[in-house]
Amino acid sequence: MRWSMIKRLVTQACAKNFGVEELSSSRTSRRESGIWQRRFWEHQIRDDEDFARHVDYIHWNPVKHDLVKRAGDWSYSTFHRYVKEGILSPEWGISTSMNEYHDFGE
């Protein structure tokens, strides 16, 4: 199923169940709704290294946006499962500048 169809169905369901917000003319002309991020792009994971890089990005994002000081401080993260399974150290990302360590494509 293509993303455009998924987005359309989810948008319609949200509008039906949660009400419709008033959109600006520019957002209407670009067919944007309030629930979709403008800078989204599809990406197919190429290999294990690419997958690991994306997981690192997800774990690092709350730190990058100053929501927490360390990845382990974000209680909603899969980081805790990775630590429990011995994949990552509880100190992961503390002494390393993640922006220099990984080019996250931003």
PDB file of N, CA and C in Angstrom:
ATOM      1  N   MET A   1       0.862  -1.178   0.000  1.00  0.00           N
ATOM      2  CA  MET A   1       0.000   0.000   0.000  1.00  0.00           C
ATOM      3  C   MET A   1       0.906   1.238   0.000  1.00  0.00           C
ATOM      4  N   ARG A   2       0.657   2.150  -0.865  1.00  0.00           N
ATOM      5  CA  ARG A   2       1.473   3.361  -0.979  1.00  0.00           C
ATOM      6  C   ARG A   2       1.170   4.325   0.168  1.00  0.00           C
ATOM      7  N   TRP A   3       2.179   5.146   0.493  1.00  0.00           N
ATOM      8  CA  TRP A   3       2.027   6.117   1.574  1.00  0.00           C
ATOM      9  C   TRP A   3       0.882   7.083   1.330  1.00  0.00           C
ATOM     10  N   SER A   4       0.693   7.497   0.090  1.00  0.00           N
ATOM     11  CA  SER A   4      -0.375   8.467  -0.178  1.00  0.00           C
ATOM     12  C   SER A   4      -1.737   7.894   0.199  1.00  0.00           C
ATOM     13  N   MET A   5      -1.952   6.606  -0.067  1.00  0.00           N
ATOM     14  CA  MET A   5      -3.223   5.982   0.293  1.00  0.00           C
ATOM     15  C   MET A   5      -3.338   5.848   1.813  1.00  0.00           C
ATOM     16  N   ILE A   6      -2.260   5.450   2.454  1.00  0.00           N
ATOM     17  CA  ILE A   6      -2.263   5.332   3.916  1.00  0.00           C
ATOM     18  C   ILE A   6      -2.559   6.689   4.549  1.00  0.00           C
ATOM     19  N   LYS A   7      -1.863   7.731   4.071  1.00  0.00           N
ATOM     20  CA  LYS A   7      -2.068   9.071   4.618  1.00  0.00           C
ATOM     21  C   LYS A   7      -3.500   9.544   4.410  1.00  0.00           C
ATOM     22  N   ARG A   8      -4.049   9.275   3.234  1.00  0.00           N
ATOM     23  CA  ARG A   8      -5.420   9.701   2.940  1.00  0.00           C
ATOM     24  C   ARG A   8      -6.405   9.016   3.887  1.00  0.00           C
ATOM     25  N   LEU A   9      -6.273   7.694   4.061  1.00  0.00           N
ATOM     26  CA  LEU A   9      -7.191   6.950   4.921  1.00  0.00           C
ATOM     27  C   LEU A   9      -7.072   7.378   6.386  1.00  0.00           C
ATOM     28  N   VAL A  10      -5.848   7.580   6.860  1.00  0.00           N
ATOM     29  CA  VAL A  10      -5.651   8.014   8.248  1.00  0.00           C
ATOM     30  C   VAL A  10      -6.199   9.425   8.446  1.00  0.00           C
ATOM     31  N   THR A  11      -5.944  10.309   7.500  1.00  0.00           N
ATOM     32  CA  THR A  11      -6.442  11.684   7.588  1.00  0.00           C
ATOM     33  C   THR A  11      -7.967  11.701   7.633  1.00  0.00           C
ATOM     34  N   GLN A  12      -8.599  10.901   6.779  1.00  0.00           N
ATOM     35  CA  GLN A  12     -10.062  10.837   6.759  1.00  0.00           C
ATOM     36  C   GLN A  12     -10.605  10.294   8.078  1.00  0.00           C
ATOM     37  N   ALA A  13      -9.970   9.254   8.612  1.00  0.00           N
ATOM     38  CA  ALA A  13     -10.418   8.677   9.878  1.00  0.00           C
ATOM     39  C   ALA A  13     -10.265   9.675  11.021  1.00  0.00           C
ATOM     40  N   CYS A  14      -9.153  10.393  11.042  1.00  0.00           N
ATOM     41  CA  CYS A  14      -8.935  11.395  12.094  1.00  0.00           C
ATOM     42  C   CYS A  14      -9.939  12.537  11.985  1.00  0.00           C
ATOM     43  N   ALA A  15     -10.203  12.975  10.766  1.00  0.00           N
ATOM     44  CA  ALA A  15     -11.170  14.056  10.567  1.00  0.00           C
ATOM     45  C   ALA A  15     -12.556  13.622  11.039  1.00  0.00           C
ATOM     46  N   LYS A  16     -12.912  12.384  10.734  1.00  0.00           N
ATOM     47  CA  LYS A  16     -14.226  11.858  11.115  1.00  0.00           C
ATOM     48  C   LYS A  16     -14.347  11.718  12.632  1.00  0.00           C
ATOM     49  N   ASN A  17     -13.293  11.226  13.271  1.00  0.00           N
ATOM     50  CA  ASN A  17     -13.354  10.922  14.704  1.00  0.00           C
ATOM     51  C   ASN A  17     -12.957  12.070  15.617  1.00  0.00           C
ATOM     52  N   PHE A  18     -12.140  12.989  15.118  1.00  0.00           N
ATOM     53  CA  PHE A  18     -11.616  14.037  15.986  1.00  0.00           C
ATOM     54  C   PHE A  18     -11.961  15.447  15.526  1.00  0.00           C
ATOM     55  N   GLY A  19     -12.721  15.569  14.473  1.00  0.00           N
ATOM     56  CA  GLY A  19     -13.069  16.885  13.959  1.00  0.00           C
ATOM     57  C   GLY A  19     -12.062  17.374  12.942  1.00  0.00           C
ATOM     58  N   VAL A  20     -12.471  18.326  12.159  1.00  0.00           N
ATOM     59  CA  VAL A  20     -11.620  18.852  11.094  1.00  0.00           C
ATOM     60  C   VAL A  20     -11.120  20.222  11.506  1.00  0.00           C
ATOM     61  N   GLU A  21      -9.831  20.428  11.388  1.00  0.00           N
ATOM     62  CA  GLU A  21      -9.266  21.748  11.678  1.00  0.00           C
ATOM     63  C   GLU A  21      -9.346  22.609  10.425  1.00  0.00           C
ATOM     64  N   GLU A  22      -9.371  23.895  10.612  1.00  0.00           N
ATOM     65  CA  GLU A  22      -9.380  24.806   9.472  1.00  0.00           C
ATOM     66  C   GLU A  22      -7.958  24.960   8.954  1.00  0.00           C
ATOM     67  N   LEU A  23      -7.772  24.733   7.651  1.00  0.00           N
ATOM     68  CA  LEU A  23      -6.448  24.795   7.047  1.00  0.00           C
ATOM     69  C   LEU A  23      -6.267  26.088   6.272  1.00  0.00           C
ATOM     70  N   SER A  24      -5.036  26.574   6.242  1.00  0.00           N
ATOM     71  CA  SER A  24      -4.725  27.757   5.445  1.00  0.00           C
ATOM     72  C   SER A  24      -4.816  27.395   3.968  1.00  0.00           C
ATOM     73  N   SER A  25      -4.939  28.398   3.123  1.00  0.00           N
ATOM     74  CA  SER A  25      -5.034  28.140   1.684  1.00  0.00           C
ATOM     75  C   SER A  25      -3.758  27.500   1.147  1.00  0.00           C
ATOM     76  N   SER A  26      -2.595  27.872   1.703  1.00  0.00           N
ATOM     77  CA  SER A  26      -1.340  27.277   1.226  1.00  0.00           C
ATOM     78  C   SER A  26      -1.268  25.791   1.579  1.00  0.00           C
ATOM     79  N   ARG A  27      -1.735  25.424   2.761  1.00  0.00           N
ATOM     80  CA  ARG A  27      -1.735  24.007   3.142  1.00  0.00           C
ATOM     81  C   ARG A  27      -2.771  23.241   2.331  1.00  0.00           C
ATOM     82  N   THR A  28      -3.890  23.866   2.043  1.00  0.00           N
ATOM     83  CA  THR A  28      -4.904  23.209   1.224  1.00  0.00           C
ATOM     84  C   THR A  28      -4.379  22.962  -0.178  1.00  0.00           C
ATOM     85  N   SER A  29      -3.693  23.943  -0.758  1.00  0.00           N
ATOM     86  CA  SER A  29      -3.174  23.790  -2.121  1.00  0.00           C
ATOM     87  C   SER A  29      -2.093  22.711  -2.202  1.00  0.00           C
ATOM     88  N   ARG A  30      -1.366  22.497  -1.100  1.00  0.00           N
ATOM     89  CA  ARG A  30      -0.339  21.443  -1.082  1.00  0.00           C
ATOM     90  C   ARG A  30      -0.899  20.121  -0.567  1.00  0.00           C
ATOM     91  N   ARG A  31      -2.203  20.087  -0.303  1.00  0.00           N
ATOM     92  CA  ARG A  31      -2.897  18.900   0.197  1.00  0.00           C
ATOM     93  C   ARG A  31      -2.280  18.406   1.507  1.00  0.00           C
ATOM     94  N   GLU A  32      -1.984  19.339   2.415  1.00  0.00           N
ATOM     95  CA  GLU A  32      -1.418  19.002   3.718  1.00  0.00           C
ATOM     96  C   GLU A  32      -2.499  19.070   4.782  1.00  0.00           C
ATOM     97  N   SER A  33      -2.389  18.182   5.756  1.00  0.00           N
ATOM     98  CA  SER A  33      -3.289  18.252   6.901  1.00  0.00           C
ATOM     99  C   SER A  33      -2.452  18.418   8.162  1.00  0.00           C
ATOM    100  N   GLY A  34      -3.104  18.630   9.275  1.00  0.00           N
ATOM    101  CA  GLY A  34      -2.400  18.907  10.516  1.00  0.00           C
ATOM    102  C   GLY A  34      -1.644  17.740  11.111  1.00  0.00           C
ATOM    103  N   ILE A  35      -1.910  16.525  10.675  1.00  0.00           N
ATOM    104  CA  ILE A  35      -1.259  15.385  11.313  1.00  0.00           C
ATOM    105  C   ILE A  35      -0.003  14.912  10.598  1.00  0.00           C
ATOM    106  N   TRP A  36       0.299  15.457   9.431  1.00  0.00           N
ATOM    107  CA  TRP A  36       1.452  14.979   8.668  1.00  0.00           C
ATOM    108  C   TRP A  36       2.571  15.997   8.668  1.00  0.00           C
ATOM    109  N   GLN A  37       3.764  15.519   8.933  1.00  0.00           N
ATOM    110  CA  GLN A  37       4.955  16.357   8.946  1.00  0.00           C
ATOM    111  C   GLN A  37       5.336  16.724   7.521  1.00  0.00           C
ATOM    112  N   ARG A  38       5.645  17.981   7.292  1.00  0.00           N
ATOM    113  CA  ARG A  38       5.954  18.466   5.953  1.00  0.00           C
ATOM    114  C   ARG A  38       7.235  17.849   5.393  1.00  0.00           C
ATOM    115  N   ARG A  39       8.247  17.643   6.222  1.00  0.00           N
ATOM    116  CA  ARG A  39       9.535  17.171   5.724  1.00  0.00           C
ATOM    117  C   ARG A  39       9.652  15.647   5.705  1.00  0.00           C
ATOM    118  N   PHE A  40       8.578  14.929   5.570  1.00  0.00           N
ATOM    119  CA  PHE A  40       8.626  13.471   5.555  1.00  0.00           C
ATOM    120  C   PHE A  40       9.094  12.962   4.204  1.00  0.00           C
ATOM    121  N   TRP A  41       9.904  11.918   4.226  1.00  0.00           N
ATOM    122  CA  TRP A  41      10.261  11.241   2.982  1.00  0.00           C
ATOM    123  C   TRP A  41      10.330   9.742   3.256  1.00  0.00           C
ATOM    124  N   GLU A  42       9.971   8.975   2.235  1.00  0.00           N
ATOM    125  CA  GLU A  42      10.047   7.523   2.335  1.00  0.00           C
ATOM    126  C   GLU A  42      11.499   7.091   2.300  1.00  0.00           C
ATOM    127  N   HIS A  43      11.807   6.028   2.996  1.00  0.00           N
ATOM    128  CA  HIS A  43      13.162   5.482   2.952  1.00  0.00           C
ATOM    129  C   HIS A  43      13.078   3.985   3.183  1.00  0.00           C
ATOM    130  N   GLN A  44      13.645   3.232   2.290  1.00  0.00           N
ATOM    131  CA  GLN A  44      13.723   1.789   2.468  1.00  0.00           C
ATOM    132  C   GLN A  44      15.060   1.458   3.128  1.00  0.00           C
ATOM    133  N   ILE A  45      15.014   0.728   4.224  1.00  0.00           N
ATOM    134  CA  ILE A  45      16.234   0.329   4.919  1.00  0.00           C
ATOM    135  C   ILE A  45      17.032  -0.590   3.997  1.00  0.00           C
ATOM    136  N   ARG A  46      18.307  -0.233   3.779  1.00  0.00           N
ATOM    137  CA  ARG A  46      19.138  -0.946   2.806  1.00  0.00           C
ATOM    138  C   ARG A  46      19.843  -2.166   3.382  1.00  0.00           C
ATOM    139  N   ASP A  47      20.289  -2.073   4.625  1.00  0.00           N
ATOM    140  CA  ASP A  47      21.064  -3.167   5.212  1.00  0.00           C
ATOM    141  C   ASP A  47      21.092  -2.984   6.732  1.00  0.00           C
ATOM    142  N   ASP A  48      21.798  -3.877   7.422  1.00  0.00           N
ATOM    143  CA  ASP A  48      21.864  -3.819   8.890  1.00  0.00           C
ATOM    144  C   ASP A  48      22.494  -2.525   9.390  1.00  0.00           C
ATOM    145  N   GLU A  49      23.509  -2.048   8.687  1.00  0.00           N
ATOM    146  CA  GLU A  49      24.172  -0.802   9.090  1.00  0.00           C
ATOM    147  C   GLU A  49      23.220   0.390   8.968  1.00  0.00           C
ATOM    148  N   ASP A  50      22.438   0.431   7.901  1.00  0.00           N
ATOM    149  CA  ASP A  50      21.459   1.500   7.704  1.00  0.00           C
ATOM    150  C   ASP A  50      20.392   1.437   8.795  1.00  0.00           C
ATOM    151  N   PHE A  51      19.945   0.231   9.129  1.00  0.00           N
ATOM    152  CA  PHE A  51      18.963   0.057  10.199  1.00  0.00           C
ATOM    153  C   PHE A  51      19.524   0.578  11.528  1.00  0.00           C
ATOM    154  N   ALA A  52      20.769   0.192  11.843  1.00  0.00           N
ATOM    155  CA  ALA A  52      21.395   0.635  13.095  1.00  0.00           C
ATOM    156  C   ALA A  52      21.507   2.152  13.146  1.00  0.00           C
ATOM    157  N   ARG A  53      21.833   2.777  12.020  1.00  0.00           N
ATOM    158  CA  ARG A  53      21.938   4.235  11.958  1.00  0.00           C
ATOM    159  C   ARG A  53      20.590   4.891  12.250  1.00  0.00           C
ATOM    160  N   HIS A  54      19.513   4.322  11.733  1.00  0.00           N
ATOM    161  CA  HIS A  54      18.179   4.877  11.981  1.00  0.00           C
ATOM    162  C   HIS A  54      17.755   4.679  13.438  1.00  0.00           C
ATOM    163  N   VAL A  55      18.094   3.540  14.010  1.00  0.00           N
ATOM    164  CA  VAL A  55      17.794   3.315  15.429  1.00  0.00           C
ATOM    165  C   VAL A  55      18.561   4.322  16.288  1.00  0.00           C
ATOM    166  N   ASP A  56      19.836   4.549  15.963  1.00  0.00           N
ATOM    167  CA  ASP A  56      20.617   5.563  16.683  1.00  0.00           C
ATOM    168  C   ASP A  56      19.952   6.932  16.583  1.00  0.00           C
ATOM    169  N   TYR A  57      19.480   7.277  15.401  1.00  0.00           N
ATOM    170  CA  TYR A  57      18.802   8.563  15.190  1.00  0.00           C
ATOM    171  C   TYR A  57      17.577   8.675  16.102  1.00  0.00           C
ATOM    172  N   ILE A  58      16.794   7.614  16.162  1.00  0.00           N
ATOM    173  CA  ILE A  58      15.582   7.622  16.992  1.00  0.00           C
ATOM    174  C   ILE A  58      15.949   7.772  18.465  1.00  0.00           C
ATOM    175  N   HIS A  59      16.982   7.059  18.896  1.00  0.00           N
ATOM    176  CA  HIS A  59      17.401   7.151  20.298  1.00  0.00           C
ATOM    177  C   HIS A  59      17.995   8.515  20.631  1.00  0.00           C
ATOM    178  N   TRP A  60      18.665   9.142  19.677  1.00  0.00           N
ATOM    179  CA  TRP A  60      19.341  10.417  19.919  1.00  0.00           C
ATOM    180  C   TRP A  60      18.401  11.616  19.805  1.00  0.00           C
ATOM    181  N   ASN A  61      17.312  11.495  19.090  1.00  0.00           N
ATOM    182  CA  ASN A  61      16.443  12.632  18.783  1.00  0.00           C
ATOM    183  C   ASN A  61      15.943  13.398  20.015  1.00  0.00           C
ATOM    184  N   PRO A  62      15.486  12.754  21.100  1.00  0.00           N
ATOM    185  CA  PRO A  62      15.052  13.528  22.279  1.00  0.00           C
ATOM    186  C   PRO A  62      16.176  14.358  22.899  1.00  0.00           C
ATOM    187  N   VAL A  63      17.419  13.861  22.800  1.00  0.00           N
ATOM    188  CA  VAL A  63      18.571  14.617  23.310  1.00  0.00           C
ATOM    189  C   VAL A  63      18.831  15.805  22.399  1.00  0.00           C
ATOM    190  N   LYS A  64      18.820  15.559  21.112  1.00  0.00           N
ATOM    191  CA  LYS A  64      19.091  16.614  20.128  1.00  0.00           C
ATOM    192  C   LYS A  64      18.130  17.789  20.285  1.00  0.00           C
ATOM    193  N   HIS A  65      16.877  17.491  20.592  1.00  0.00           N
ATOM    194  CA  HIS A  65      15.861  18.541  20.708  1.00  0.00           C
ATOM    195  C   HIS A  65      15.694  19.039  22.144  1.00  0.00           C
ATOM    196  N   ASP A  66      16.696  18.754  22.985  1.00  0.00           N
ATOM    197  CA  ASP A  66      16.751  19.251  24.368  1.00  0.00           C
ATOM    198  C   ASP A  66      15.553  18.849  25.223  1.00  0.00           C
ATOM    199  N   LEU A  67      14.992  17.681  24.941  1.00  0.00           N
ATOM    200  CA  LEU A  67      13.912  17.172  25.784  1.00  0.00           C
ATOM    201  C   LEU A  67      14.478  16.448  27.004  1.00  0.00           C
ATOM    202  N   VAL A  68      15.684  15.893  26.837  1.00  0.00           N
ATOM    203  CA  VAL A  68      16.398  15.208  27.917  1.00  0.00           C
ATOM    204  C   VAL A  68      17.892  15.454  27.746  1.00  0.00           C
ATOM    205  N   LYS A  69      18.651  15.146  28.775  1.00  0.00           N
ATOM    206  CA  LYS A  69      20.115  15.301  28.710  1.00  0.00           C
ATOM    207  C   LYS A  69      20.799  14.063  28.130  1.00  0.00           C
ATOM    208  N   ARG A  70      20.216  12.883  28.384  1.00  0.00           N
ATOM    209  CA  ARG A  70      20.793  11.622  27.915  1.00  0.00           C
ATOM    210  C   ARG A  70      19.692  10.771  27.288  1.00  0.00           C
ATOM    211  N   ALA A  71      20.062   9.906  26.362  1.00  0.00           N
ATOM    212  CA  ALA A  71      19.074   9.036  25.702  1.00  0.00           C
ATOM    213  C   ALA A  71      18.317   8.195  26.722  1.00  0.00           C
ATOM    214  N   GLY A  72      18.987   7.762  27.768  1.00  0.00           N
ATOM    215  CA  GLY A  72      18.348   6.946  28.797  1.00  0.00           C
ATOM    216  C   GLY A  72      17.331   7.688  29.636  1.00  0.00           C
ATOM    217  N   ASP A  73      17.324   9.007  29.566  1.00  0.00           N
ATOM    218  CA  ASP A  73      16.355   9.806  30.324  1.00  0.00           C
ATOM    219  C   ASP A  73      14.984   9.861  29.647  1.00  0.00           C
ATOM    220  N   TRP A  74      14.900   9.470  28.386  1.00  0.00           N
ATOM    221  CA  TRP A  74      13.629   9.504  27.649  1.00  0.00           C
ATOM    222  C   TRP A  74      12.897   8.194  27.923  1.00  0.00           C
ATOM    223  N   SER A  75      11.878   8.243  28.753  1.00  0.00           N
ATOM    224  CA  SER A  75      11.227   7.014  29.232  1.00  0.00           C
ATOM    225  C   SER A  75      10.469   6.253  28.147  1.00  0.00           C
ATOM    226  N   TYR A  76      10.134   6.911  27.040  1.00  0.00           N
ATOM    227  CA  TYR A  76       9.334   6.271  25.992  1.00  0.00           C
ATOM    228  C   TYR A  76      10.185   5.563  24.940  1.00  0.00           C
ATOM    229  N   SER A  77      11.485   5.530  25.121  1.00  0.00           N
ATOM    230  CA  SER A  77      12.411   5.066  24.096  1.00  0.00           C
ATOM    231  C   SER A  77      12.657   3.562  24.145  1.00  0.00           C
ATOM    232  N   THR A  78      12.892   2.985  22.978  1.00  0.00           N
ATOM    233  CA  THR A  78      13.343   1.594  22.897  1.00  0.00           C
ATOM    234  C   THR A  78      14.787   1.477  23.371  1.00  0.00           C
ATOM    235  N   PHE A  79      15.429   2.599  23.630  1.00  0.00           N
ATOM    236  CA  PHE A  79      16.793   2.602  24.154  1.00  0.00           C
ATOM    237  C   PHE A  79      16.899   1.681  25.370  1.00  0.00           C
ATOM    238  N   HIS A  80      15.901   1.701  26.240  1.00  0.00           N
ATOM    239  CA  HIS A  80      15.923   0.903  27.466  1.00  0.00           C
ATOM    240  C   HIS A  80      15.936  -0.595  27.153  1.00  0.00           C
ATOM    241  N   ARG A  81      15.209  -1.001  26.133  1.00  0.00           N
ATOM    242  CA  ARG A  81      15.208  -2.406  25.718  1.00  0.00           C
ATOM    243  C   ARG A  81      16.578  -2.797  25.165  1.00  0.00           C
ATOM    244  N   TYR A  82      17.178  -1.901  24.391  1.00  0.00           N
ATOM    245  CA  TYR A  82      18.505  -2.171  23.827  1.00  0.00           C
ATOM    246  C   TYR A  82      19.549  -2.303  24.935  1.00  0.00           C
ATOM    247  N   VAL A  83      19.428  -1.505  25.989  1.00  0.00           N
ATOM    248  CA  VAL A  83      20.345  -1.612  27.132  1.00  0.00           C
ATOM    249  C   VAL A  83      20.099  -2.937  27.861  1.00  0.00           C
ATOM    250  N   LYS A  84      18.838  -3.258  28.111  1.00  0.00           N
ATOM    251  CA  LYS A  84      18.483  -4.492  28.824  1.00  0.00           C
ATOM    252  C   LYS A  84      18.987  -5.725  28.079  1.00  0.00           C
ATOM    253  N   GLU A  85      18.935  -5.683  26.745  1.00  0.00           N
ATOM    254  CA  GLU A  85      19.379  -6.817  25.931  1.00  0.00           C
ATOM    255  C   GLU A  85      20.889  -6.811  25.695  1.00  0.00           C
ATOM    256  N   GLY A  86      21.592  -5.806  26.234  1.00  0.00           N
ATOM    257  CA  GLY A  86      23.044  -5.743  26.111  1.00  0.00           C
ATOM    258  C   GLY A  86      23.541  -5.226  24.769  1.00  0.00           C
ATOM    259  N   ILE A  87      22.651  -4.657  23.976  1.00  0.00           N
ATOM    260  CA  ILE A  87      23.028  -4.133  22.659  1.00  0.00           C
ATOM    261  C   ILE A  87      23.717  -2.779  22.804  1.00  0.00           C
ATOM    262  N   LEU A  88      23.211  -1.952  23.707  1.00  0.00           N
ATOM    263  CA  LEU A  88      23.798  -0.636  23.968  1.00  0.00           C
ATOM    264  C   LEU A  88      24.162  -0.515  25.439  1.00  0.00           C
ATOM    265  N   SER A  89      25.145   0.308  25.700  1.00  0.00           N
ATOM    266  CA  SER A  89      25.551   0.626  27.066  1.00  0.00           C
ATOM    267  C   SER A  89      24.626   1.711  27.619  1.00  0.00           C
ATOM    268  N   PRO A  90      24.357   1.714  28.917  1.00  0.00           N
ATOM    269  CA  PRO A  90      23.554   2.803  29.493  1.00  0.00           C
ATOM    270  C   PRO A  90      24.174   4.182  29.261  1.00  0.00           C
ATOM    271  N   GLU A  91      25.486   4.225  29.024  1.00  0.00           N
ATOM    272  CA  GLU A  91      26.188   5.494  28.788  1.00  0.00           C
ATOM    273  C   GLU A  91      26.248   5.864  27.305  1.00  0.00           C
ATOM    274  N   TRP A  92      25.557   5.131  26.451  1.00  0.00           N
ATOM    275  CA  TRP A  92      25.593   5.369  25.006  1.00  0.00           C
ATOM    276  C   TRP A  92      25.307   6.839  24.682  1.00  0.00           C
ATOM    277  N   GLY A  93      26.168   7.430  23.885  1.00  0.00           N
ATOM    278  CA  GLY A  93      25.952   8.787  23.403  1.00  0.00           C
ATOM    279  C   GLY A  93      26.357   9.893  24.354  1.00  0.00           C
ATOM    280  N   ILE A  94      26.768   9.560  25.572  1.00  0.00           N
ATOM    281  CA  ILE A  94      27.098  10.600  26.551  1.00  0.00           C
ATOM    282  C   ILE A  94      28.405  11.298  26.204  1.00  0.00           C
ATOM    283  N   SER A  95      29.443  10.529  25.914  1.00  0.00           N
ATOM    284  CA  SER A  95      30.749  11.141  25.673  1.00  0.00           C
ATOM    285  C   SER A  95      31.031  11.383  24.199  1.00  0.00           C
ATOM    286  N   THR A  96      30.128  10.975  23.335  1.00  0.00           N
ATOM    287  CA  THR A  96      30.327  11.117  21.893  1.00  0.00           C
ATOM    288  C   THR A  96      29.382  12.175  21.351  1.00  0.00           C
ATOM    289  N   SER A  97      29.881  13.020  20.492  1.00  0.00           N
ATOM    290  CA  SER A  97      29.003  13.957  19.802  1.00  0.00           C
ATOM    291  C   SER A  97      28.298  13.192  18.689  1.00  0.00           C
ATOM    292  N   MET A  98      27.039  12.880  18.895  1.00  0.00           N
ATOM    293  CA  MET A  98      26.311  12.043  17.935  1.00  0.00           C
ATOM    294  C   MET A  98      26.180  12.718  16.577  1.00  0.00           C
ATOM    295  N   ASN A  99      26.103  14.036  16.549  1.00  0.00           N
ATOM    296  CA  ASN A  99      25.989  14.722  15.266  1.00  0.00           C
ATOM    297  C   ASN A  99      27.252  14.554  14.433  1.00  0.00           C
ATOM    298  N   GLU A 100      28.401  14.438  15.096  1.00  0.00           N
ATOM    299  CA  GLU A 100      29.649  14.186  14.383  1.00  0.00           C
ATOM    300  C   GLU A 100      29.817  12.700  14.096  1.00  0.00           C
ATOM    301  N   TYR A 101      29.334  11.864  15.005  1.00  0.00           N
ATOM    302  CA  TYR A 101      29.460  10.415  14.884  1.00  0.00           C
ATOM    303  C   TYR A 101      28.629   9.883  13.721  1.00  0.00           C
ATOM    304  N   HIS A 102      27.440  10.411  13.553  1.00  0.00           N
ATOM    305  CA  HIS A 102      26.541   9.973  12.485  1.00  0.00           C
ATOM    306  C   HIS A 102      26.087  11.168  11.662  1.00  0.00           C
ATOM    307  N   ASP A 103      26.052  10.978  10.375  1.00  0.00           N
ATOM    308  CA  ASP A 103      25.398  11.955   9.504  1.00  0.00           C
ATOM    309  C   ASP A 103      23.969  11.471   9.333  1.00  0.00           C
ATOM    310  N   PHE A 104      23.060  12.083  10.073  1.00  0.00           N
ATOM    311  CA  PHE A 104      21.675  11.635  10.054  1.00  0.00           C
ATOM    312  C   PHE A 104      20.892  12.199   8.869  1.00  0.00           C
ATOM    313  N   GLY A 105      21.544  12.904   7.970  1.00  0.00           N
ATOM    314  CA  GLY A 105      20.873  13.391   6.774  1.00  0.00           C
ATOM    315  C   GLY A 105      19.962  14.572   7.003  1.00  0.00           C
ATOM    316  N   GLU A 106      20.208  15.326   8.060  1.00  0.00           N
ATOM    317  CA  GLU A 106      19.351  16.477   8.340  1.00  0.00           C
ATOM    318  C   GLU A 106      20.026  17.753   7.915  1.00  0.00           C
TER     319      GLU A 106
END
